[in-house]
Amino acid sequence: KIPYGLTVSYGTVAAGLPDATSSRSVAHAVALNPVLIFIPDHRVILSNNKVGTYRLGQKEKLKLIELEKSHLHGNS
């Protein structure tokens, strides 16, 4: 439920889930996401604001993040 155009860290997601024990458990769940376009896990990033890894590659993750931000701000 991360809003379009925004990103949050794995740790922030973990802190909001009662069963998540760490950001590593969130990262593992993200890695197993079978429907990454319908559940947009590209919005979850590292706590140092780097994109981290992504099944489609870091460049694609960054493109998706930037695409959403540009649409959010009315740029195309």
PDB file of N, CA and C in Angstrom:
ATOM      1  N   LYS A   1       0.822  -1.201   0.000  1.00  0.00           N
ATOM      2  CA  LYS A   1       0.000   0.000   0.000  1.00  0.00           C
ATOM      3  C   LYS A   1       0.861   1.257   0.000  1.00  0.00           C
ATOM      4  N   ILE A   2       1.968   1.195  -0.708  1.00  0.00           N
ATOM      5  CA  ILE A   2       2.835   2.367  -0.827  1.00  0.00           C
ATOM      6  C   ILE A   2       2.261   3.231  -1.944  1.00  0.00           C
ATOM      7  N   PRO A   3       1.944   4.479  -1.671  1.00  0.00           N
ATOM      8  CA  PRO A   3       1.320   5.328  -2.683  1.00  0.00           C
ATOM      9  C   PRO A   3       2.179   5.501  -3.937  1.00  0.00           C
ATOM     10  N   TYR A   4       1.496   5.650  -5.051  1.00  0.00           N
ATOM     11  CA  TYR A   4       2.124   5.877  -6.348  1.00  0.00           C
ATOM     12  C   TYR A   4       3.089   7.055  -6.261  1.00  0.00           C
ATOM     13  N   GLY A   5       4.289   6.874  -6.777  1.00  0.00           N
ATOM     14  CA  GLY A   5       5.269   7.952  -6.814  1.00  0.00           C
ATOM     15  C   GLY A   5       6.099   8.115  -5.558  1.00  0.00           C
ATOM     16  N   LEU A   6       5.832   7.315  -4.536  1.00  0.00           N
ATOM     17  CA  LEU A   6       6.587   7.404  -3.293  1.00  0.00           C
ATOM     18  C   LEU A   6       7.394   6.134  -3.082  1.00  0.00           C
ATOM     19  N   THR A   7       8.421   6.228  -2.266  1.00  0.00           N
ATOM     20  CA  THR A   7       9.212   5.062  -1.900  1.00  0.00           C
ATOM     21  C   THR A   7       9.346   5.010  -0.389  1.00  0.00           C
ATOM     22  N   VAL A   8       9.543   3.802   0.131  1.00  0.00           N
ATOM     23  CA  VAL A   8       9.796   3.600   1.557  1.00  0.00           C
ATOM     24  C   VAL A   8      10.895   2.561   1.696  1.00  0.00           C
ATOM     25  N   SER A   9      11.556   2.569   2.823  1.00  0.00           N
ATOM     26  CA  SER A   9      12.638   1.612   3.046  1.00  0.00           C
ATOM     27  C   SER A   9      12.076   0.277   3.529  1.00  0.00           C
ATOM     28  N   TYR A  10      12.900  -0.762   3.342  1.00  0.00           N
ATOM     29  CA  TYR A  10      12.522  -2.088   3.827  1.00  0.00           C
ATOM     30  C   TYR A  10      12.267  -2.046   5.334  1.00  0.00           C
ATOM     31  N   GLY A  11      13.074  -1.294   6.067  1.00  0.00           N
ATOM     32  CA  GLY A  11      12.909  -1.180   7.507  1.00  0.00           C
ATOM     33  C   GLY A  11      11.602  -0.523   7.905  1.00  0.00           C
ATOM     34  N   THR A  12      11.192   0.484   7.151  1.00  0.00           N
ATOM     35  CA  THR A  12       9.928   1.162   7.430  1.00  0.00           C
ATOM     36  C   THR A  12       8.757   0.204   7.219  1.00  0.00           C
ATOM     37  N   VAL A  13       8.824  -0.579   6.146  1.00  0.00           N
ATOM     38  CA  VAL A  13       7.778  -1.575   5.890  1.00  0.00           C
ATOM     39  C   VAL A  13       7.751  -2.584   7.036  1.00  0.00           C
ATOM     40  N   ALA A  14       8.918  -3.078   7.438  1.00  0.00           N
ATOM     41  CA  ALA A  14       9.001  -4.062   8.523  1.00  0.00           C
ATOM     42  C   ALA A  14       8.419  -3.517   9.816  1.00  0.00           C
ATOM     43  N   ALA A  15       8.691  -2.253  10.106  1.00  0.00           N
ATOM     44  CA  ALA A  15       8.194  -1.647  11.348  1.00  0.00           C
ATOM     45  C   ALA A  15       6.665  -1.570  11.371  1.00  0.00           C
ATOM     46  N   GLY A  16       6.041  -1.534  10.210  1.00  0.00           N
ATOM     47  CA  GLY A  16       4.593  -1.435  10.141  1.00  0.00           C
ATOM     48  C   GLY A  16       3.865  -2.764  10.073  1.00  0.00           C
ATOM     49  N   LEU A  17       4.613  -3.857  10.083  1.00  0.00           N
ATOM     50  CA  LEU A  17       4.004  -5.185   9.998  1.00  0.00           C
ATOM     51  C   LEU A  17       4.200  -5.953  11.298  1.00  0.00           C
ATOM     52  N   PRO A  18       3.133  -6.514  11.829  1.00  0.00           N
ATOM     53  CA  PRO A  18       3.255  -7.206  13.111  1.00  0.00           C
ATOM     54  C   PRO A  18       4.104  -8.477  13.044  1.00  0.00           C
ATOM     55  N   ASP A  19       4.127  -9.158  11.904  1.00  0.00           N
ATOM     56  CA  ASP A  19       4.845 -10.429  11.813  1.00  0.00           C
ATOM     57  C   ASP A  19       6.239 -10.318  11.210  1.00  0.00           C
ATOM     58  N   ALA A  20       6.603  -9.157  10.707  1.00  0.00           N
ATOM     59  CA  ALA A  20       7.924  -8.992  10.106  1.00  0.00           C
ATOM     60  C   ALA A  20       8.949  -8.782  11.212  1.00  0.00           C
ATOM     61  N   THR A  21       9.969  -9.595  11.217  1.00  0.00           N
ATOM     62  CA  THR A  21      10.968  -9.496  12.274  1.00  0.00           C
ATOM     63  C   THR A  21      12.108  -8.562  11.911  1.00  0.00           C
ATOM     64  N   SER A  22      12.294  -8.304  10.623  1.00  0.00           N
ATOM     65  CA  SER A  22      13.383  -7.422  10.213  1.00  0.00           C
ATOM     66  C   SER A  22      13.178  -6.966   8.783  1.00  0.00           C
ATOM     67  N   SER A  23      14.011  -6.020   8.384  1.00  0.00           N
ATOM     68  CA  SER A  23      13.963  -5.573   6.988  1.00  0.00           C
ATOM     69  C   SER A  23      14.363  -6.706   6.056  1.00  0.00           C
ATOM     70  N   ARG A  24      15.144  -7.658   6.540  1.00  0.00           N
ATOM     71  CA  ARG A  24      15.530  -8.807   5.712  1.00  0.00           C
ATOM     72  C   ARG A  24      14.312  -9.674   5.379  1.00  0.00           C
ATOM     73  N   SER A  25      13.384  -9.812   6.326  1.00  0.00           N
ATOM     74  CA  SER A  25      12.187 -10.594   6.038  1.00  0.00           C
ATOM     75  C   SER A  25      11.324  -9.893   4.994  1.00  0.00           C
ATOM     76  N   VAL A  26      11.297  -8.571   5.028  1.00  0.00           N
ATOM     77  CA  VAL A  26      10.565  -7.806   4.016  1.00  0.00           C
ATOM     78  C   VAL A  26      11.251  -7.965   2.664  1.00  0.00           C
ATOM     79  N   ALA A  27      12.570  -7.876   2.637  1.00  0.00           N
ATOM     80  CA  ALA A  27      13.310  -8.046   1.388  1.00  0.00           C
ATOM     81  C   ALA A  27      13.059  -9.431   0.791  1.00  0.00           C
ATOM     82  N   HIS A  28      12.989 -10.436   1.635  1.00  0.00           N
ATOM     83  CA  HIS A  28      12.720 -11.795   1.160  1.00  0.00           C
ATOM     84  C   HIS A  28      11.310 -11.886   0.566  1.00  0.00           C
ATOM     85  N   ALA A  29      10.343 -11.297   1.226  1.00  0.00           N
ATOM     86  CA  ALA A  29       8.968 -11.308   0.719  1.00  0.00           C
ATOM     87  C   ALA A  29       8.870 -10.563  -0.612  1.00  0.00           C
ATOM     88  N   VAL A  30       9.563  -9.445  -0.717  1.00  0.00           N
ATOM     89  CA  VAL A  30       9.572  -8.674  -1.964  1.00  0.00           C
ATOM     90  C   VAL A  30      10.188  -9.507  -3.086  1.00  0.00           C
ATOM     91  N   ALA A  31      11.263 -10.194  -2.784  1.00  0.00           N
ATOM     92  CA  ALA A  31      11.942 -11.015  -3.792  1.00  0.00           C
ATOM     93  C   ALA A  31      11.048 -12.143  -4.305  1.00  0.00           C
ATOM     94  N   LEU A  32      10.124 -12.608  -3.481  1.00  0.00           N
ATOM     95  CA  LEU A  32       9.226 -13.701  -3.868  1.00  0.00           C
ATOM     96  C   LEU A  32       7.924 -13.224  -4.510  1.00  0.00           C
ATOM     97  N   ASN A  33       7.755 -11.926  -4.655  1.00  0.00           N
ATOM     98  CA  ASN A  33       6.532 -11.360  -5.234  1.00  0.00           C
ATOM     99  C   ASN A  33       6.348 -11.858  -6.670  1.00  0.00           C
ATOM    100  N   PRO A  34       5.308 -12.667  -6.923  1.00  0.00           N
ATOM    101  CA  PRO A  34       5.113 -13.217  -8.265  1.00  0.00           C
ATOM    102  C   PRO A  34       4.429 -12.239  -9.235  1.00  0.00           C
ATOM    103  N   VAL A  35       3.888 -11.164  -8.731  1.00  0.00           N
ATOM    104  CA  VAL A  35       3.143 -10.219  -9.576  1.00  0.00           C
ATOM    105  C   VAL A  35       3.663  -8.800  -9.366  1.00  0.00           C
ATOM    106  N   LEU A  36       4.932  -8.594  -9.703  1.00  0.00           N
ATOM    107  CA  LEU A  36       5.584  -7.337  -9.347  1.00  0.00           C
ATOM    108  C   LEU A  36       4.991  -6.101 -10.001  1.00  0.00           C
ATOM    109  N   ILE A  37       4.245  -6.234 -11.072  1.00  0.00           N
ATOM    110  CA  ILE A  37       3.598  -5.063 -11.661  1.00  0.00           C
ATOM    111  C   ILE A  37       2.300  -4.740 -10.913  1.00  0.00           C
ATOM    112  N   PHE A  38       1.563  -5.759 -10.487  1.00  0.00           N
ATOM    113  CA  PHE A  38       0.304  -5.525  -9.776  1.00  0.00           C
ATOM    114  C   PHE A  38       0.530  -5.176  -8.308  1.00  0.00           C
ATOM    115  N   ILE A  39       1.587  -5.701  -7.727  1.00  0.00           N
ATOM    116  CA  ILE A  39       2.007  -5.316  -6.379  1.00  0.00           C
ATOM    117  C   ILE A  39       3.376  -4.673  -6.569  1.00  0.00           C
ATOM    118  N   PRO A  40       3.414  -3.357  -6.712  1.00  0.00           N
ATOM    119  CA  PRO A  40       4.624  -2.644  -7.138  1.00  0.00           C
ATOM    120  C   PRO A  40       5.730  -2.592  -6.094  1.00  0.00           C
ATOM    121  N   ASP A  41       6.487  -3.667  -6.017  1.00  0.00           N
ATOM    122  CA  ASP A  41       7.549  -3.727  -5.020  1.00  0.00           C
ATOM    123  C   ASP A  41       8.762  -2.867  -5.357  1.00  0.00           C
ATOM    124  N   HIS A  42       8.773  -2.252  -6.536  1.00  0.00           N
ATOM    125  CA  HIS A  42       9.886  -1.352  -6.868  1.00  0.00           C
ATOM    126  C   HIS A  42       9.893  -0.111  -5.976  1.00  0.00           C
ATOM    127  N   ARG A  43       8.809   0.131  -5.258  1.00  0.00           N
ATOM    128  CA  ARG A  43       8.724   1.297  -4.376  1.00  0.00           C
ATOM    129  C   ARG A  43       9.447   1.097  -3.049  1.00  0.00           C
ATOM    130  N   VAL A  44       9.936  -0.111  -2.796  1.00  0.00           N
ATOM    131  CA  VAL A  44      10.668  -0.398  -1.564  1.00  0.00           C
ATOM    132  C   VAL A  44      12.157  -0.288  -1.873  1.00  0.00           C
ATOM    133  N   ILE A  45      12.831   0.584  -1.123  1.00  0.00           N
ATOM    134  CA  ILE A  45      14.252   0.852  -1.384  1.00  0.00           C
ATOM    135  C   ILE A  45      15.068   0.668  -0.104  1.00  0.00           C
ATOM    136  N   LEU A  46      16.362   0.814  -0.223  1.00  0.00           N
ATOM    137  CA  LEU A  46      17.249   0.707   0.935  1.00  0.00           C
ATOM    138  C   LEU A  46      17.132   1.949   1.812  1.00  0.00           C
ATOM    139  N   SER A  47      17.536   1.830   3.062  1.00  0.00           N
ATOM    140  CA  SER A  47      17.421   2.956   3.987  1.00  0.00           C
ATOM    141  C   SER A  47      18.360   4.113   3.629  1.00  0.00           C
ATOM    142  N   ASN A  48      19.385   3.844   2.816  1.00  0.00           N
ATOM    143  CA  ASN A  48      20.296   4.907   2.394  1.00  0.00           C
ATOM    144  C   ASN A  48      19.840   5.573   1.086  1.00  0.00           C
ATOM    145  N   ASN A  49      18.586   5.329   0.715  1.00  0.00           N
ATOM    146  CA  ASN A  49      17.942   5.874  -0.484  1.00  0.00           C
ATOM    147  C   ASN A  49      18.486   5.324  -1.802  1.00  0.00           C
ATOM    148  N   LYS A  50      19.248   4.243  -1.754  1.00  0.00           N
ATOM    149  CA  LYS A  50      19.671   3.569  -2.978  1.00  0.00           C
ATOM    150  C   LYS A  50      18.605   2.551  -3.343  1.00  0.00           C
ATOM    151  N   VAL A  51      18.523   2.199  -4.623  1.00  0.00           N
ATOM    152  CA  VAL A  51      17.434   1.327  -5.056  1.00  0.00           C
ATOM    153  C   VAL A  51      17.615  -0.117  -4.631  1.00  0.00           C
ATOM    154  N   GLY A  52      18.828  -0.575  -4.444  1.00  0.00           N
ATOM    155  CA  GLY A  52      19.050  -1.969  -4.082  1.00  0.00           C
ATOM    156  C   GLY A  52      18.836  -2.866  -5.290  1.00  0.00           C
ATOM    157  N   THR A  53      18.589  -4.123  -5.041  1.00  0.00           N
ATOM    158  CA  THR A  53      18.403  -5.064  -6.145  1.00  0.00           C
ATOM    159  C   THR A  53      16.947  -5.119  -6.571  1.00  0.00           C
ATOM    160  N   TYR A  54      16.742  -5.682  -7.745  1.00  0.00           N
ATOM    161  CA  TYR A  54      15.394  -5.810  -8.303  1.00  0.00           C
ATOM    162  C   TYR A  54      15.428  -6.928  -9.335  1.00  0.00           C
ATOM    163  N   ARG A  55      14.397  -7.703  -9.384  1.00  0.00           N
ATOM    164  CA  ARG A  55      14.350  -8.851 -10.286  1.00  0.00           C
ATOM    165  C   ARG A  55      14.578  -8.454 -11.744  1.00  0.00           C
ATOM    166  N   LEU A  56      14.101  -7.296 -12.146  1.00  0.00           N
ATOM    167  CA  LEU A  56      14.268  -6.833 -13.526  1.00  0.00           C
ATOM    168  C   LEU A  56      15.543  -6.017 -13.706  1.00  0.00           C
ATOM    169  N   GLY A  57      16.304  -5.835 -12.632  1.00  0.00           N
ATOM    170  CA  GLY A  57      17.546  -5.074 -12.679  1.00  0.00           C
ATOM    171  C   GLY A  57      17.396  -3.703 -12.029  1.00  0.00           C
ATOM    172  N   GLN A  58      18.507  -3.205 -11.518  1.00  0.00           N
ATOM    173  CA  GLN A  58      18.497  -1.904 -10.837  1.00  0.00           C
ATOM    174  C   GLN A  58      18.092  -0.775 -11.760  1.00  0.00           C
ATOM    175  N   LYS A  59      18.525  -0.827 -13.007  1.00  0.00           N
ATOM    176  CA  LYS A  59      18.182   0.243 -13.949  1.00  0.00           C
ATOM    177  C   LYS A  59      16.678   0.303 -14.173  1.00  0.00           C
ATOM    178  N   GLU A  60      16.040  -0.855 -14.291  1.00  0.00           N
ATOM    179  CA  GLU A  60      14.588  -0.884 -14.486  1.00  0.00           C
ATOM    180  C   GLU A  60      13.853  -0.381 -13.250  1.00  0.00           C
ATOM    181  N   LYS A  61      14.356  -0.737 -12.073  1.00  0.00           N
ATOM    182  CA  LYS A  61      13.735  -0.266 -10.831  1.00  0.00           C
ATOM    183  C   LYS A  61      13.799   1.256 -10.749  1.00  0.00           C
ATOM    184  N   LEU A  62      14.968   1.791 -11.061  1.00  0.00           N
ATOM    185  CA  LEU A  62      15.133   3.238 -11.043  1.00  0.00           C
ATOM    186  C   LEU A  62      14.247   3.912 -12.078  1.00  0.00           C
ATOM    187  N   LYS A  63      14.112   3.312 -13.255  1.00  0.00           N
ATOM    188  CA  LYS A  63      13.230   3.866 -14.302  1.00  0.00           C
ATOM    189  C   LYS A  63      11.783   3.915 -13.823  1.00  0.00           C
ATOM    190  N   LEU A  64      11.323   2.841 -13.179  1.00  0.00           N
ATOM    191  CA  LEU A  64       9.946   2.805 -12.679  1.00  0.00           C
ATOM    192  C   LEU A  64       9.720   3.870 -11.611  1.00  0.00           C
ATOM    193  N   ILE A  65      10.672   4.017 -10.703  1.00  0.00           N
ATOM    194  CA  ILE A  65      10.556   5.029  -9.646  1.00  0.00           C
ATOM    195  C   ILE A  65      10.502   6.427 -10.259  1.00  0.00           C
ATOM    196  N   GLU A  66      11.414   6.707 -11.182  1.00  0.00           N
ATOM    197  CA  GLU A  66      11.456   8.024 -11.825  1.00  0.00           C
ATOM    198  C   GLU A  66      10.214   8.275 -12.674  1.00  0.00           C
ATOM    199  N   LEU A  67       9.713   7.250 -13.354  1.00  0.00           N
ATOM    200  CA  LEU A  67       8.491   7.380 -14.153  1.00  0.00           C
ATOM    201  C   LEU A  67       7.320   7.798 -13.271  1.00  0.00           C
ATOM    202  N   GLU A  68       7.159   7.128 -12.150  1.00  0.00           N
ATOM    203  CA  GLU A  68       6.064   7.476 -11.245  1.00  0.00           C
ATOM    204  C   GLU A  68       6.225   8.886 -10.695  1.00  0.00           C
ATOM    205  N   LYS A  69       7.427   9.246 -10.316  1.00  0.00           N
ATOM    206  CA  LYS A  69       7.651  10.594  -9.782  1.00  0.00           C
ATOM    207  C   LYS A  69       7.349  11.660 -10.828  1.00  0.00           C
ATOM    208  N   SER A  70       7.726  11.397 -12.089  1.00  0.00           N
ATOM    209  CA  SER A  70       7.480  12.384 -13.128  1.00  0.00           C
ATOM    210  C   SER A  70       5.986  12.530 -13.413  1.00  0.00           C
ATOM    211  N   HIS A  71       5.238  11.431 -13.362  1.00  0.00           N
ATOM    212  CA  HIS A  71       3.782  11.516 -13.563  1.00  0.00           C
ATOM    213  C   HIS A  71       3.116  12.208 -12.387  1.00  0.00           C
ATOM    214  N   LEU A  72       3.648  11.972 -11.207  1.00  0.00           N
ATOM    215  CA  LEU A  72       3.095  12.593 -10.004  1.00  0.00           C
ATOM    216  C   LEU A  72       3.243  14.111 -10.046  1.00  0.00           C
ATOM    217  N   HIS A  73       4.343  14.561 -10.640  1.00  0.00           N
ATOM    218  CA  HIS A  73       4.622  15.999 -10.714  1.00  0.00           C
ATOM    219  C   HIS A  73       4.192  16.616 -12.030  1.00  0.00           C
ATOM    220  N   GLY A  74       3.485  15.848 -12.863  1.00  0.00           N
ATOM    221  CA  GLY A  74       2.934  16.394 -14.104  1.00  0.00           C
ATOM    222  C   GLY A  74       3.920  16.520 -15.232  1.00  0.00           C
ATOM    223  N   ASN A  75       5.064  15.872 -15.142  1.00  0.00           N
ATOM    224  CA  ASN A  75       6.049  15.903 -16.227  1.00  0.00           C
ATOM    225  C   ASN A  75       5.925  14.637 -17.050  1.00  0.00           C
ATOM    226  N   SER A  76       6.189  14.739 -18.329  1.00  0.00           N
ATOM    227  CA  SER A  76       6.169  13.536 -19.143  1.00  0.00           C
ATOM    228  C   SER A  76       7.378  13.452 -20.022  1.00  0.00           C
TER     229      SER A  76
END
